[in-house]
């Protein structure tokens, strides 16, 4: 029967996606996490969604005062109008002082009286959505595991009879970090929030759905961020969910000689790695592909991990391009990334938005090192990067990854990680020496989707853009780091200024 159940939204787009549509109504869910992991924010967001769709909503709080809840809400720019708040501390007067005369222990009265008060209030409010924050207080009142379990079970059965969709909040505190197995077993679904502190950068927040009855959900950890405006969940990207294998036409860079290096250019749906030492022209060439996409009327996005946007723009201007006009027109988007602050799941989600909402066809990641440096857990990151790239390939996007090499020359291996296996095309940049001058060279090491020439060509970049020279053949000491060209000087390019003065 539960397939016909309409799901209800959790109020968080990413979480609804992970749950394949949201929560099954009329059930009890457990939301657990350490203090500060965002449980209250998520709970309020769930109720605000209820208010939005016209559900009656009740927030029962034993741990926070209503002032604290209003403070959380205003920090996100929310108003709690329409949410019924019931704080138990204000209800304690109702218990009165008559409890001293009984033979029962006061806490025994207090526990059952507390639960009765809650039930009474629920009967008055008749909510469709309820958040109960938190069970830790109930556990303290019960003082005994068995009594506590009995009361939680009683509450669950009581809610179930009234068709309320309930979120029970539970604190995972230091000494009680272990999960409550009993709670897990009586809950229809369990969502755990975690907060990890990394050695570097901000704390990483993650969410995991432990179980969800009758629902195919996306398992594993998902990155989470709490920003002004609420709790954001970035579902882990699983490329195989997007079946649209793609190997399209080659795309142009607008520089005919560069296109002919790849027999027309990289095909749509491939990943190009540009590798070489700093200052050898990688960014300029990657940017050229992005700008040319705009010229074709397509959208492109550049993620700048390594340098400021200003540097990028002035460099493109220096080549005679006008990136600002493209940015104002909305076809070029340059995102400044702070690697320490962006979890890989969040980055993948940002890229997905670009592809799915803006239809970006060319994506530049400048550089891979900046991205990888932001994540100390390399193996996992490489897997996530791999998922992201295969997703982009299936969407027919050309992805350009910049991979800086160490030192001026850069050895032939690609820095930290062997990324060549994720690349469909590898373009290698190096410096070489000829006639007493240090020059730049460009060559293609592989092109999985088509042919490429094996020649090494000279590369020069000036205010009229990118120039690529004739193939160079005669080299001495190619493996030494800085090969020296000993051939005929005809193919070497002179500066356009010298040529003009002659």
Foldseek 3Di string as FASTA:
>chain_A
DQVPAQADALLAVQVCVQQVHHARFLFEEEEEEAPPLAPLQSLLSSVVSCVVVPFQAEEEAADDDVVVSCVVQVLQPHDSPRYHYHYCVVVVCVVPPVQVPDPDDVLVVVLVVSLVVVLVVCVVRLTQEYEYHALVVSCVSQVDVVSSLVSVVVVRVSSSVSRHYYYYYYHCYDVNVDDDVSVCVRGQWYKYKYWACDPDFGIWIWIATPDHPPTNGNGDIWTWDADNNGIHTQDQFALVVQPQADWAAAADLPAVVVCQQFPRHATFLFEEEEEWAPPQCQLQSLVSSQVVCVVVVAAEEEEALDDDVVVSQVVNQQLVDHVVVSVVVVRYYYHYDPLLHADLSNVLRVVVCCCVVRVHQEYEYREPCSNQVNPPPNVVSVVSVLSSSNNSSSSRHYYYHYQHADDQQHAPQRPPDRCVVSGQWYKYKGWAAEPRDIFIWIHTPHHNVGDGDGFIWTWDGGSNGIDTWDGADAWDCPNVRHIYRDDDCVGDDDDVVVVVVD
